[in-house]
Amino acid sequence: MKISIRQLTGFGLLALTQGALAQDDSGPSPFEIESERAARAEYRASLDDAMLREGRDTYWAAEIEHRIESSLHAVSDLDILTWEFGCATTLCRVVLDHRTLSGQQEAMEALAGMPGFSFPGRADLEWRDDGSATTYIYLHRPQPEDSDV
């Protein structure tokens, strides 16, 4: 299976299954799409495990969580139904649920570079057959010489 990788300002790498949104039959098979989705879920689980193992830098995590929450409130008029976030020592995880794929894209564009969302990282965009979507964002803490926190 081929993966299309695009750079998204403020979020680092964004992975989408090539052709997954295509309307014709030339894209990947449903099996390929599900296999890739499972691989992304497995990778996210490994990042979640890493966050648990590394513990929490209370000062840094609280500061970044405050920035993330402020940014999410600033875009509350966008298609973000629910959110969940947390930070550890070197990673933050943000999960956003959206009504639509277009709403997901709009939210991602609005949040890119906002306070708490300016770190390098990865965003996985998952969609469901009903047209709704979930965004999983993992942000990596910059090296101490690059950090303002």
C-alpha atoms as a PDB file:
ATOM      1  CA  MET A   1       0.000   0.000   0.000  1.00  0.00           C
ATOM      2  CA  LYS A   2       1.281   3.464  -0.850  1.00  0.00           C
ATOM      3  CA  ILE A   3       0.979   6.273   1.670  1.00  0.00           C
ATOM      4  CA  SER A   4       0.829   9.902   0.650  1.00  0.00           C
ATOM      5  CA  ILE A   5       2.715  12.129   3.073  1.00  0.00           C
ATOM      6  CA  ARG A   6       2.089  15.873   3.121  1.00  0.00           C
ATOM      7  CA  GLN A   7       3.644  18.569   5.280  1.00  0.00           C
ATOM      8  CA  LEU A   8       1.078  20.446   7.373  1.00  0.00           C
ATOM      9  CA  THR A   9       2.364  23.624   9.010  1.00  0.00           C
ATOM     10  CA  GLY A  10       2.472  23.273  12.754  1.00  0.00           C
ATOM     11  CA  PHE A  11       1.616  19.569  12.771  1.00  0.00           C
ATOM     12  CA  GLY A  12       4.574  17.966  11.010  1.00  0.00           C
ATOM     13  CA  LEU A  13       3.665  14.909   8.991  1.00  0.00           C
ATOM     14  CA  LEU A  14       0.109  14.095   8.046  1.00  0.00           C
ATOM     15  CA  ALA A  15      -0.591  10.597   6.745  1.00  0.00           C
ATOM     16  CA  LEU A  16      -3.536   9.772   4.502  1.00  0.00           C
ATOM     17  CA  THR A  17      -4.156   6.557   2.632  1.00  0.00           C
ATOM     18  CA  GLN A  18      -3.643   7.336  -1.051  1.00  0.00           C
ATOM     19  CA  GLY A  19      -6.970   7.303  -2.896  1.00  0.00           C
ATOM     20  CA  ALA A  20      -9.005   6.600   0.227  1.00  0.00           C
ATOM     21  CA  LEU A  21     -11.356   9.474  -0.565  1.00  0.00           C
ATOM     22  CA  ALA A  22     -11.552   8.774  -4.288  1.00  0.00           C
ATOM     23  CA  GLN A  23     -14.984   8.141  -5.770  1.00  0.00           C
ATOM     24  CA  ASP A  24     -13.847   5.699  -8.454  1.00  0.00           C
ATOM     25  CA  ASP A  25     -12.737   2.072  -8.125  1.00  0.00           C
ATOM     26  CA  SER A  26      -9.073   2.764  -8.968  1.00  0.00           C
ATOM     27  CA  GLY A  27      -8.131   3.390  -5.319  1.00  0.00           C
ATOM     28  CA  PRO A  28      -7.050   0.859  -2.728  1.00  0.00           C
ATOM     29  CA  SER A  29      -9.336  -1.989  -1.793  1.00  0.00           C
ATOM     30  CA  PRO A  30     -11.400  -1.879   1.417  1.00  0.00           C
ATOM     31  CA  PHE A  31      -9.000  -4.466   2.845  1.00  0.00           C
ATOM     32  CA  GLU A  32      -6.012  -2.213   2.111  1.00  0.00           C
ATOM     33  CA  ILE A  33      -7.740   0.785   3.663  1.00  0.00           C
ATOM     34  CA  GLU A  34      -8.594  -1.187   6.816  1.00  0.00           C
ATOM     35  CA  SER A  35      -5.077  -2.612   7.015  1.00  0.00           C
ATOM     36  CA  GLU A  36      -3.586   0.866   6.853  1.00  0.00           C
ATOM     37  CA  ARG A  37      -6.094   2.158   9.403  1.00  0.00           C
ATOM     38  CA  ALA A  38      -5.123  -0.702  11.749  1.00  0.00           C
ATOM     39  CA  ALA A  39      -1.429   0.115  11.280  1.00  0.00           C
ATOM     40  CA  ARG A  40      -2.081   3.764  12.208  1.00  0.00           C
ATOM     41  CA  ALA A  41      -4.072   2.664  15.280  1.00  0.00           C
ATOM     42  CA  GLU A  42      -1.207   0.377  16.332  1.00  0.00           C
ATOM     43  CA  TYR A  43       1.299   3.217  15.955  1.00  0.00           C
ATOM     44  CA  ARG A  44      -0.926   5.547  17.996  1.00  0.00           C
ATOM     45  CA  ALA A  45      -1.148   2.881  20.709  1.00  0.00           C
ATOM     46  CA  SER A  46       2.662   2.730  20.819  1.00  0.00           C
ATOM     47  CA  LEU A  47       2.806   6.524  21.248  1.00  0.00           C
ATOM     48  CA  ASP A  48       0.183   6.324  24.022  1.00  0.00           C
ATOM     49  CA  ASP A  49       2.285   3.645  25.752  1.00  0.00           C
ATOM     50  CA  ALA A  50       5.376   5.846  25.428  1.00  0.00           C
ATOM     51  CA  MET A  51       3.491   8.721  27.075  1.00  0.00           C
ATOM     52  CA  LEU A  52       2.526   6.486  30.002  1.00  0.00           C
ATOM     53  CA  ARG A  53       6.083   5.194  30.430  1.00  0.00           C
ATOM     54  CA  GLU A  54       7.756   8.598  30.320  1.00  0.00           C
ATOM     55  CA  GLY A  55       5.667  10.133  33.090  1.00  0.00           C
ATOM     56  CA  ARG A  56       4.593  13.747  33.304  1.00  0.00           C
ATOM     57  CA  ASP A  57       6.589  16.948  33.452  1.00  0.00           C
ATOM     58  CA  THR A  58       4.011  18.778  35.528  1.00  0.00           C
ATOM     59  CA  TYR A  59       5.060  22.335  34.696  1.00  0.00           C
ATOM     60  CA  TRP A  60       5.550  21.862  30.946  1.00  0.00           C
ATOM     61  CA  ALA A  61       2.499  19.613  30.494  1.00  0.00           C
ATOM     62  CA  ALA A  62       0.176  21.966  32.371  1.00  0.00           C
ATOM     63  CA  GLU A  63       1.409  24.974  30.384  1.00  0.00           C
ATOM     64  CA  ILE A  64       0.984  23.275  27.012  1.00  0.00           C
ATOM     65  CA  GLU A  65      -2.405  21.805  27.954  1.00  0.00           C
ATOM     66  CA  HIS A  66      -3.533  25.334  28.870  1.00  0.00           C
ATOM     67  CA  ARG A  67      -2.357  26.611  25.466  1.00  0.00           C
ATOM     68  CA  ILE A  68      -4.106  23.735  23.652  1.00  0.00           C
ATOM     69  CA  GLU A  69      -7.359  24.327  25.535  1.00  0.00           C
ATOM     70  CA  SER A  70      -7.229  28.084  24.853  1.00  0.00           C
ATOM     71  CA  SER A  71      -6.696  27.453  21.151  1.00  0.00           C
ATOM     72  CA  LEU A  72      -9.569  24.964  21.028  1.00  0.00           C
ATOM     73  CA  HIS A  73     -11.870  27.508  22.691  1.00  0.00           C
ATOM     74  CA  ALA A  74     -10.746  30.125  20.151  1.00  0.00           C
ATOM     75  CA  VAL A  75     -11.997  27.922  17.290  1.00  0.00           C
ATOM     76  CA  SER A  76     -15.137  26.671  19.054  1.00  0.00           C
ATOM     77  CA  ASP A  77     -17.286  27.825  16.131  1.00  0.00           C
ATOM     78  CA  LEU A  78     -15.646  25.211  13.872  1.00  0.00           C
ATOM     79  CA  ASP A  79     -16.639  21.579  13.381  1.00  0.00           C
ATOM     80  CA  ILE A  80     -15.133  20.157  16.572  1.00  0.00           C
ATOM     81  CA  LEU A  81     -17.760  18.136  18.409  1.00  0.00           C
ATOM     82  CA  THR A  82     -15.584  16.879  21.257  1.00  0.00           C
ATOM     83  CA  TRP A  83     -11.971  17.062  22.246  1.00  0.00           C
ATOM     84  CA  GLU A  84      -9.612  15.257  24.568  1.00  0.00           C
ATOM     85  CA  PHE A  85      -5.973  16.108  25.231  1.00  0.00           C
ATOM     86  CA  GLY A  86      -3.104  15.448  27.578  1.00  0.00           C
ATOM     87  CA  CYS A  87       0.631  15.889  27.778  1.00  0.00           C
ATOM     88  CA  ALA A  88       3.400  13.851  29.384  1.00  0.00           C
ATOM     89  CA  THR A  89       7.096  14.823  29.339  1.00  0.00           C
ATOM     90  CA  THR A  90       7.937  14.919  25.638  1.00  0.00           C
ATOM     91  CA  LEU A  91       4.588  14.197  23.923  1.00  0.00           C
ATOM     92  CA  CYS A  92       1.092  15.635  23.828  1.00  0.00           C
ATOM     93  CA  ARG A  93      -1.952  13.829  22.428  1.00  0.00           C
ATOM     94  CA  VAL A  94      -5.017  15.674  21.119  1.00  0.00           C
ATOM     95  CA  VAL A  95      -8.119  13.867  19.823  1.00  0.00           C
ATOM     96  CA  LEU A  96     -10.815  15.828  17.986  1.00  0.00           C
ATOM     97  CA  ASP A  97     -14.157  14.530  16.707  1.00  0.00           C
ATOM     98  CA  HIS A  98     -15.788  16.190  13.685  1.00  0.00           C
ATOM     99  CA  ARG A  99     -19.177  15.963  11.971  1.00  0.00           C
ATOM    100  CA  THR A 100     -17.670  16.077   8.478  1.00  0.00           C
ATOM    101  CA  LEU A 101     -14.414  15.588   6.594  1.00  0.00           C
ATOM    102  CA  SER A 102     -14.534  19.177   5.349  1.00  0.00           C
ATOM    103  CA  GLY A 103     -15.029  20.339   8.936  1.00  0.00           C
ATOM    104  CA  GLN A 104     -12.016  18.283   9.950  1.00  0.00           C
ATOM    105  CA  GLN A 105      -9.867  19.945   7.290  1.00  0.00           C
ATOM    106  CA  GLU A 106     -11.104  23.413   8.276  1.00  0.00           C
ATOM    107  CA  ALA A 107     -10.308  22.754  11.940  1.00  0.00           C
ATOM    108  CA  MET A 108      -6.825  21.458  11.113  1.00  0.00           C
ATOM    109  CA  GLU A 109      -6.056  24.531   9.028  1.00  0.00           C
ATOM    110  CA  ALA A 110      -7.321  26.859  11.770  1.00  0.00           C
ATOM    111  CA  LEU A 111      -5.348  25.147  14.552  1.00  0.00           C
ATOM    112  CA  ALA A 112      -2.052  24.857  12.665  1.00  0.00           C
ATOM    113  CA  GLY A 113       0.489  27.078  14.374  1.00  0.00           C
ATOM    114  CA  MET A 114      -1.843  28.223  17.163  1.00  0.00           C
ATOM    115  CA  PRO A 115      -0.514  28.181  20.753  1.00  0.00           C
ATOM    116  CA  GLY A 116       0.022  24.586  21.829  1.00  0.00           C
ATOM    117  CA  PHE A 117      -0.193  23.364  18.220  1.00  0.00           C
ATOM    118  CA  SER A 118       3.098  24.784  16.922  1.00  0.00           C
ATOM    119  CA  PHE A 119       5.286  21.811  17.863  1.00  0.00           C
ATOM    120  CA  PRO A 120       6.447  19.208  15.358  1.00  0.00           C
ATOM    121  CA  GLY A 121       4.349  16.091  15.313  1.00  0.00           C
ATOM    122  CA  ARG A 122       1.972  13.802  13.501  1.00  0.00           C
ATOM    123  CA  ALA A 123      -1.725  14.015  12.681  1.00  0.00           C
ATOM    124  CA  ASP A 124      -3.770  10.978  11.675  1.00  0.00           C
ATOM    125  CA  LEU A 125      -7.083  11.784  10.033  1.00  0.00           C
ATOM    126  CA  GLU A 126      -9.595   8.968  10.339  1.00  0.00           C
ATOM    127  CA  TRP A 127     -13.049   9.034   8.766  1.00  0.00           C
ATOM    128  CA  ARG A 128     -16.154   6.890   9.057  1.00  0.00           C
ATOM    129  CA  ASP A 129     -18.720   5.764   6.507  1.00  0.00           C
ATOM    130  CA  ASP A 130     -21.275   8.250   7.893  1.00  0.00           C
ATOM    131  CA  GLY A 131     -19.001  11.157   6.859  1.00  0.00           C
ATOM    132  CA  SER A 132     -17.823  11.993  10.379  1.00  0.00           C
ATOM    133  CA  ALA A 133     -14.154  12.013  11.289  1.00  0.00           C
ATOM    134  CA  THR A 134     -11.642  11.926  14.129  1.00  0.00           C
ATOM    135  CA  THR A 135      -8.255  13.640  14.217  1.00  0.00           C
ATOM    136  CA  TYR A 136      -5.449  12.195  16.339  1.00  0.00           C
ATOM    137  CA  ILE A 137      -2.611  14.669  16.869  1.00  0.00           C
ATOM    138  CA  TYR A 138       0.671  13.827  18.582  1.00  0.00           C
ATOM    139  CA  LEU A 139       2.933  16.794  19.276  1.00  0.00           C
ATOM    140  CA  HIS A 140       6.586  16.401  20.241  1.00  0.00           C
ATOM    141  CA  ARG A 141       8.253  18.693  22.755  1.00  0.00           C
ATOM    142  CA  PRO A 142      11.093  20.691  21.202  1.00  0.00           C
ATOM    143  CA  GLN A 143      14.631  20.312  22.483  1.00  0.00           C
ATOM    144  CA  PRO A 144      15.387  22.567  25.483  1.00  0.00           C
ATOM    145  CA  GLU A 145      17.393  25.045  23.388  1.00  0.00           C
ATOM    146  CA  ASP A 146      14.355  25.460  21.061  1.00  0.00           C
ATOM    147  CA  SER A 147      11.725  25.779  23.791  1.00  0.00           C
ATOM    148  CA  ASP A 148      10.189  28.912  25.219  1.00  0.00           C
ATOM    149  CA  VAL A 149       8.520  26.991  28.071  1.00  0.00           C
END
